[in-house]
Amino acid sequence: MTSDEYIFLYSKLSIDKIPLHIKDKIDSGDEFTEVEKQEILKIIRKEKMDSLS
Protein backbone atom coordinates (compact mmCIF):
# COMPACT_ATOMS: atom_id res chain seq x y z
CA MET A 1 0.00 0.00 0.00
CA THR A 2 1.17 3.50 -0.73
CA SER A 3 1.55 6.22 1.87
CA ASP A 4 -1.52 7.96 0.42
CA GLU A 5 -3.56 4.80 0.91
CA TYR A 6 -2.38 4.48 4.51
CA ILE A 7 -3.26 8.14 5.13
CA PHE A 8 -6.70 7.60 3.67
CA LEU A 9 -7.20 4.48 5.80
CA TYR A 10 -6.09 6.08 9.05
CA SER A 11 -7.49 9.59 8.68
CA LYS A 12 -10.21 9.81 6.05
CA LEU A 13 -12.00 6.46 6.02
CA SER A 14 -15.06 6.34 8.23
CA ILE A 15 -14.67 3.77 11.02
CA ASP A 16 -17.95 2.10 10.08
CA LYS A 17 -16.50 1.29 6.65
CA ILE A 18 -13.61 -0.74 8.09
CA PRO A 19 -14.28 -4.46 8.75
CA LEU A 20 -13.90 -5.44 12.39
CA HIS A 21 -10.97 -7.83 11.84
CA ILE A 22 -9.03 -5.05 10.10
CA LYS A 23 -9.97 -2.48 12.74
CA ASP A 24 -8.64 -4.89 15.39
CA LYS A 25 -5.29 -5.05 13.57
CA ILE A 26 -5.19 -1.25 13.29
CA ASP A 27 -5.89 -0.92 17.02
CA SER A 28 -3.23 -3.47 17.97
CA GLY A 29 -0.64 -2.27 15.43
CA ASP A 30 -0.38 -5.66 13.73
CA GLU A 31 0.72 -5.98 10.11
CA PHE A 32 -1.90 -6.66 7.46
CA THR A 33 -1.85 -9.86 5.41
CA GLU A 34 -1.84 -9.55 1.62
CA VAL A 35 -5.51 -10.55 1.57
CA GLU A 36 -6.34 -7.82 4.09
CA LYS A 37 -4.36 -5.26 2.10
CA GLN A 38 -6.37 -6.13 -1.00
CA GLU A 39 -9.60 -5.85 0.99
CA ILE A 40 -8.54 -2.43 2.30
CA LEU A 41 -7.59 -1.25 -1.20
CA LYS A 42 -11.02 -2.25 -2.53
CA ILE A 43 -12.70 -0.26 0.25
CA ILE A 44 -10.47 2.77 -0.37
CA ARG A 45 -11.10 2.69 -4.13
CA LYS A 46 -14.85 2.41 -3.59
CA GLU A 47 -14.90 5.29 -1.10
CA LYS A 48 -12.83 7.51 -3.38
CA MET A 49 -15.15 6.75 -6.31
CA ASP A 50 -18.22 7.44 -4.14
CA SER A 51 -16.80 10.77 -3.08
CA LEU A 52 -16.38 11.80 -6.73
CA SER A 53 -20.07 11.17 -7.46
PDB file of N, CA and C in Angstrom:
ATOM      1  N   MET A   1       0.837  -1.177   0.000  1.00  0.00           N
ATOM      2  CA  MET A   1       0.000   0.000   0.000  1.00  0.00           C
ATOM      3  C   MET A   1       0.880   1.237   0.000  1.00  0.00           C
ATOM      4  N   THR A   2       0.407   2.256  -0.660  1.00  0.00           N
ATOM      5  CA  THR A   2       1.170   3.499  -0.726  1.00  0.00           C
ATOM      6  C   THR A   2       0.921   4.336   0.528  1.00  0.00           C
ATOM      7  N   SER A   3       1.739   5.338   0.714  1.00  0.00           N
ATOM      8  CA  SER A   3       1.550   6.215   1.873  1.00  0.00           C
ATOM      9  C   SER A   3       0.212   6.942   1.789  1.00  0.00           C
ATOM     10  N   ASP A   4      -0.218   7.315   0.580  1.00  0.00           N
ATOM     11  CA  ASP A   4      -1.518   7.960   0.417  1.00  0.00           C
ATOM     12  C   ASP A   4      -2.661   7.043   0.842  1.00  0.00           C
ATOM     13  N   GLU A   5      -2.522   5.770   0.525  1.00  0.00           N
ATOM     14  CA  GLU A   5      -3.556   4.800   0.911  1.00  0.00           C
ATOM     15  C   GLU A   5      -3.592   4.615   2.427  1.00  0.00           C
ATOM     16  N   TYR A   6      -2.421   4.569   3.050  1.00  0.00           N
ATOM     17  CA  TYR A   6      -2.380   4.478   4.510  1.00  0.00           C
ATOM     18  C   TYR A   6      -2.992   5.728   5.148  1.00  0.00           C
ATOM     19  N   ILE A   7      -2.688   6.888   4.609  1.00  0.00           N
ATOM     20  CA  ILE A   7      -3.257   8.140   5.134  1.00  0.00           C
ATOM     21  C   ILE A   7      -4.769   8.118   5.009  1.00  0.00           C
ATOM     22  N   PHE A   8      -5.259   7.679   3.868  1.00  0.00           N
ATOM     23  CA  PHE A   8      -6.704   7.598   3.674  1.00  0.00           C
ATOM     24  C   PHE A   8      -7.316   6.634   4.684  1.00  0.00           C
ATOM     25  N   LEU A   9      -6.705   5.481   4.864  1.00  0.00           N
ATOM     26  CA  LEU A   9      -7.205   4.478   5.805  1.00  0.00           C
ATOM     27  C   LEU A   9      -7.259   5.023   7.225  1.00  0.00           C
ATOM     28  N   TYR A  10      -6.188   5.660   7.659  1.00  0.00           N
ATOM     29  CA  TYR A  10      -6.095   6.082   9.051  1.00  0.00           C
ATOM     30  C   TYR A  10      -6.755   7.425   9.356  1.00  0.00           C
ATOM     31  N   SER A  11      -6.960   8.272   8.342  1.00  0.00           N
ATOM     32  CA  SER A  11      -7.487   9.592   8.679  1.00  0.00           C
ATOM     33  C   SER A  11      -8.775   9.973   7.954  1.00  0.00           C
ATOM     34  N   LYS A  12      -9.055   9.360   6.828  1.00  0.00           N
ATOM     35  CA  LYS A  12     -10.208   9.806   6.053  1.00  0.00           C
ATOM     36  C   LYS A  12     -11.317   8.772   5.940  1.00  0.00           C
ATOM     37  N   LEU A  13     -11.003   7.511   6.163  1.00  0.00           N
ATOM     38  CA  LEU A  13     -12.003   6.455   6.022  1.00  0.00           C
ATOM     39  C   LEU A  13     -12.841   6.356   7.278  1.00  0.00           C
ATOM     40  N   SER A  14     -14.134   6.428   7.103  1.00  0.00           N
ATOM     41  CA  SER A  14     -15.055   6.340   8.234  1.00  0.00           C
ATOM     42  C   SER A  14     -14.902   4.988   8.919  1.00  0.00           C
ATOM     43  N   ILE A  15     -14.901   4.990  10.231  1.00  0.00           N
ATOM     44  CA  ILE A  15     -14.672   3.771  11.021  1.00  0.00           C
ATOM     45  C   ILE A  15     -15.713   2.700  10.716  1.00  0.00           C
ATOM     46  N   ASP A  16     -16.919   3.103  10.383  1.00  0.00           N
ATOM     47  CA  ASP A  16     -17.954   2.104  10.083  1.00  0.00           C
ATOM     48  C   ASP A  16     -17.744   1.419   8.736  1.00  0.00           C
ATOM     49  N   LYS A  17     -16.816   1.894   7.939  1.00  0.00           N
ATOM     50  CA  LYS A  17     -16.503   1.285   6.648  1.00  0.00           C
ATOM     51  C   LYS A  17     -15.394   0.238   6.752  1.00  0.00           C
ATOM     52  N   ILE A  18     -14.732   0.175   7.906  1.00  0.00           N
ATOM     53  CA  ILE A  18     -13.610  -0.741   8.095  1.00  0.00           C
ATOM     54  C   ILE A  18     -14.119  -2.023   8.750  1.00  0.00           C
ATOM     55  N   PRO A  19     -13.868  -3.194   8.139  1.00  0.00           N
ATOM     56  CA  PRO A  19     -14.282  -4.457   8.747  1.00  0.00           C
ATOM     57  C   PRO A  19     -13.636  -4.642  10.124  1.00  0.00           C
ATOM     58  N   LEU A  20     -14.348  -5.293  11.008  1.00  0.00           N
ATOM     59  CA  LEU A  20     -13.903  -5.445  12.392  1.00  0.00           C
ATOM     60  C   LEU A  20     -12.525  -6.096  12.503  1.00  0.00           C
ATOM     61  N   HIS A  21     -12.263  -7.149  11.727  1.00  0.00           N
ATOM     62  CA  HIS A  21     -10.967  -7.832  11.836  1.00  0.00           C
ATOM     63  C   HIS A  21      -9.814  -6.918  11.419  1.00  0.00           C
ATOM     64  N   ILE A  22     -10.071  -6.001  10.501  1.00  0.00           N
ATOM     65  CA  ILE A  22      -9.026  -5.053  10.102  1.00  0.00           C
ATOM     66  C   ILE A  22      -8.894  -3.956  11.143  1.00  0.00           C
ATOM     67  N   LYS A  23     -10.012  -3.486  11.674  1.00  0.00           N
ATOM     68  CA  LYS A  23      -9.975  -2.482  12.745  1.00  0.00           C
ATOM     69  C   LYS A  23      -9.186  -3.006  13.940  1.00  0.00           C
ATOM     70  N   ASP A  24      -9.390  -4.279  14.282  1.00  0.00           N
ATOM     71  CA  ASP A  24      -8.641  -4.886  15.392  1.00  0.00           C
ATOM     72  C   ASP A  24      -7.140  -4.838  15.135  1.00  0.00           C
ATOM     73  N   LYS A  25      -6.722  -5.103  13.904  1.00  0.00           N
ATOM     74  CA  LYS A  25      -5.293  -5.045  13.570  1.00  0.00           C
ATOM     75  C   LYS A  25      -4.763  -3.616  13.643  1.00  0.00           C
ATOM     76  N   ILE A  26      -5.585  -2.654  13.203  1.00  0.00           N
ATOM     77  CA  ILE A  26      -5.186  -1.249  13.290  1.00  0.00           C
ATOM     78  C   ILE A  26      -4.988  -0.874  14.754  1.00  0.00           C
ATOM     79  N   ASP A  27      -5.947  -1.250  15.595  1.00  0.00           N
ATOM     80  CA  ASP A  27      -5.887  -0.921  17.018  1.00  0.00           C
ATOM     81  C   ASP A  27      -4.693  -1.561  17.724  1.00  0.00           C
ATOM     82  N   SER A  28      -4.341  -2.772  17.312  1.00  0.00           N
ATOM     83  CA  SER A  28      -3.235  -3.468  17.967  1.00  0.00           C
ATOM     84  C   SER A  28      -1.881  -3.194  17.315  1.00  0.00           C
ATOM     85  N   GLY A  29      -1.899  -2.577  16.121  1.00  0.00           N
ATOM     86  CA  GLY A  29      -0.645  -2.269  15.429  1.00  0.00           C
ATOM     87  C   GLY A  29      -0.059  -3.439  14.670  1.00  0.00           C
ATOM     88  N   ASP A  30      -0.856  -4.493  14.472  1.00  0.00           N
ATOM     89  CA  ASP A  30      -0.381  -5.661  13.731  1.00  0.00           C
ATOM     90  C   ASP A  30      -0.268  -5.352  12.240  1.00  0.00           C
ATOM     91  N   GLU A  31       0.573  -6.113  11.559  1.00  0.00           N
ATOM     92  CA  GLU A  31       0.722  -5.981  10.109  1.00  0.00           C
ATOM     93  C   GLU A  31      -0.469  -6.624   9.414  1.00  0.00           C
ATOM     94  N   PHE A  32      -0.827  -6.089   8.254  1.00  0.00           N
ATOM     95  CA  PHE A  32      -1.898  -6.664   7.456  1.00  0.00           C
ATOM     96  C   PHE A  32      -1.358  -7.790   6.591  1.00  0.00           C
ATOM     97  N   THR A  33      -2.194  -8.815   6.366  1.00  0.00           N
ATOM     98  CA  THR A  33      -1.845  -9.856   5.407  1.00  0.00           C
ATOM     99  C   THR A  33      -2.088  -9.300   4.012  1.00  0.00           C
ATOM    100  N   GLU A  34      -1.605  -9.994   2.997  1.00  0.00           N
ATOM    101  CA  GLU A  34      -1.835  -9.547   1.619  1.00  0.00           C
ATOM    102  C   GLU A  34      -3.327  -9.531   1.293  1.00  0.00           C
ATOM    103  N   VAL A  35      -4.062 -10.502   1.791  1.00  0.00           N
ATOM    104  CA  VAL A  35      -5.509 -10.553   1.565  1.00  0.00           C
ATOM    105  C   VAL A  35      -6.180  -9.340   2.206  1.00  0.00           C
ATOM    106  N   GLU A  36      -5.780  -8.996   3.415  1.00  0.00           N
ATOM    107  CA  GLU A  36      -6.341  -7.825   4.091  1.00  0.00           C
ATOM    108  C   GLU A  36      -5.985  -6.539   3.362  1.00  0.00           C
ATOM    109  N   LYS A  37      -4.760  -6.447   2.863  1.00  0.00           N
ATOM    110  CA  LYS A  37      -4.358  -5.263   2.097  1.00  0.00           C
ATOM    111  C   LYS A  37      -5.237  -5.105   0.870  1.00  0.00           C
ATOM    112  N   GLN A  38      -5.508  -6.198   0.181  1.00  0.00           N
ATOM    113  CA  GLN A  38      -6.366  -6.131  -1.000  1.00  0.00           C
ATOM    114  C   GLN A  38      -7.785  -5.719  -0.626  1.00  0.00           C
ATOM    115  N   GLU A  39      -8.269  -6.222   0.499  1.00  0.00           N
ATOM    116  CA  GLU A  39      -9.597  -5.848   0.987  1.00  0.00           C
ATOM    117  C   GLU A  39      -9.651  -4.352   1.315  1.00  0.00           C
ATOM    118  N   ILE A  40      -8.620  -3.852   1.956  1.00  0.00           N
ATOM    119  CA  ILE A  40      -8.544  -2.431   2.296  1.00  0.00           C
ATOM    120  C   ILE A  40      -8.497  -1.586   1.025  1.00  0.00           C
ATOM    121  N   LEU A  41      -7.700  -1.997   0.053  1.00  0.00           N
ATOM    122  CA  LEU A  41      -7.587  -1.252  -1.202  1.00  0.00           C
ATOM    123  C   LEU A  41      -8.929  -1.175  -1.933  1.00  0.00           C
ATOM    124  N   LYS A  42      -9.692  -2.265  -1.920  1.00  0.00           N
ATOM    125  CA  LYS A  42     -11.020  -2.252  -2.533  1.00  0.00           C
ATOM    126  C   LYS A  42     -11.924  -1.237  -1.842  1.00  0.00           C
ATOM    127  N   ILE A  43     -11.873  -1.203  -0.525  1.00  0.00           N
ATOM    128  CA  ILE A  43     -12.696  -0.262   0.249  1.00  0.00           C
ATOM    129  C   ILE A  43     -12.284   1.171  -0.070  1.00  0.00           C
ATOM    130  N   ILE A  44     -10.979   1.429  -0.091  1.00  0.00           N
ATOM    131  CA  ILE A  44     -10.471   2.774  -0.367  1.00  0.00           C
ATOM    132  C   ILE A  44     -10.889   3.219  -1.769  1.00  0.00           C
ATOM    133  N   ARG A  45     -10.711   2.339  -2.759  1.00  0.00           N
ATOM    134  CA  ARG A  45     -11.095   2.690  -4.133  1.00  0.00           C
ATOM    135  C   ARG A  45     -12.587   3.008  -4.222  1.00  0.00           C
ATOM    136  N   LYS A  46     -13.409   2.189  -3.568  1.00  0.00           N
ATOM    137  CA  LYS A  46     -14.852   2.410  -3.592  1.00  0.00           C
ATOM    138  C   LYS A  46     -15.202   3.746  -2.938  1.00  0.00           C
ATOM    139  N   GLU A  47     -14.604   4.045  -1.804  1.00  0.00           N
ATOM    140  CA  GLU A  47     -14.898   5.293  -1.102  1.00  0.00           C
ATOM    141  C   GLU A  47     -14.447   6.504  -1.912  1.00  0.00           C
ATOM    142  N   LYS A  48     -13.306   6.403  -2.548  1.00  0.00           N
ATOM    143  CA  LYS A  48     -12.831   7.510  -3.378  1.00  0.00           C
ATOM    144  C   LYS A  48     -13.753   7.726  -4.570  1.00  0.00           C
ATOM    145  N   MET A  49     -14.231   6.645  -5.182  1.00  0.00           N
ATOM    146  CA  MET A  49     -15.151   6.748  -6.312  1.00  0.00           C
ATOM    147  C   MET A  49     -16.485   7.340  -5.848  1.00  0.00           C
ATOM    148  N   ASP A  50     -16.973   6.921  -4.690  1.00  0.00           N
ATOM    149  CA  ASP A  50     -18.224   7.438  -4.142  1.00  0.00           C
ATOM    150  C   ASP A  50     -18.126   8.928  -3.849  1.00  0.00           C
ATOM    151  N   SER A  51     -16.961   9.364  -3.412  1.00  0.00           N
ATOM    152  CA  SER A  51     -16.797  10.771  -3.082  1.00  0.00           C
ATOM    153  C   SER A  51     -16.751  11.654  -4.331  1.00  0.00           C
ATOM    154  N   LEU A  52     -16.410  11.060  -5.474  1.00  0.00           N
ATOM    155  CA  LEU A  52     -16.384  11.795  -6.735  1.00  0.00           C
ATOM    156  C   LEU A  52     -17.778  11.967  -7.330  1.00  0.00           C
ATOM    157  N   SER A  53     -18.704  11.129  -6.908  1.00  0.00           N
ATOM    158  CA  SER A  53     -20.066  11.174  -7.463  1.00  0.00           C
ATOM    159  C   SER A  53     -20.869  12.311  -6.891  1.00  0.00           C
TER     160      SER A  53
END
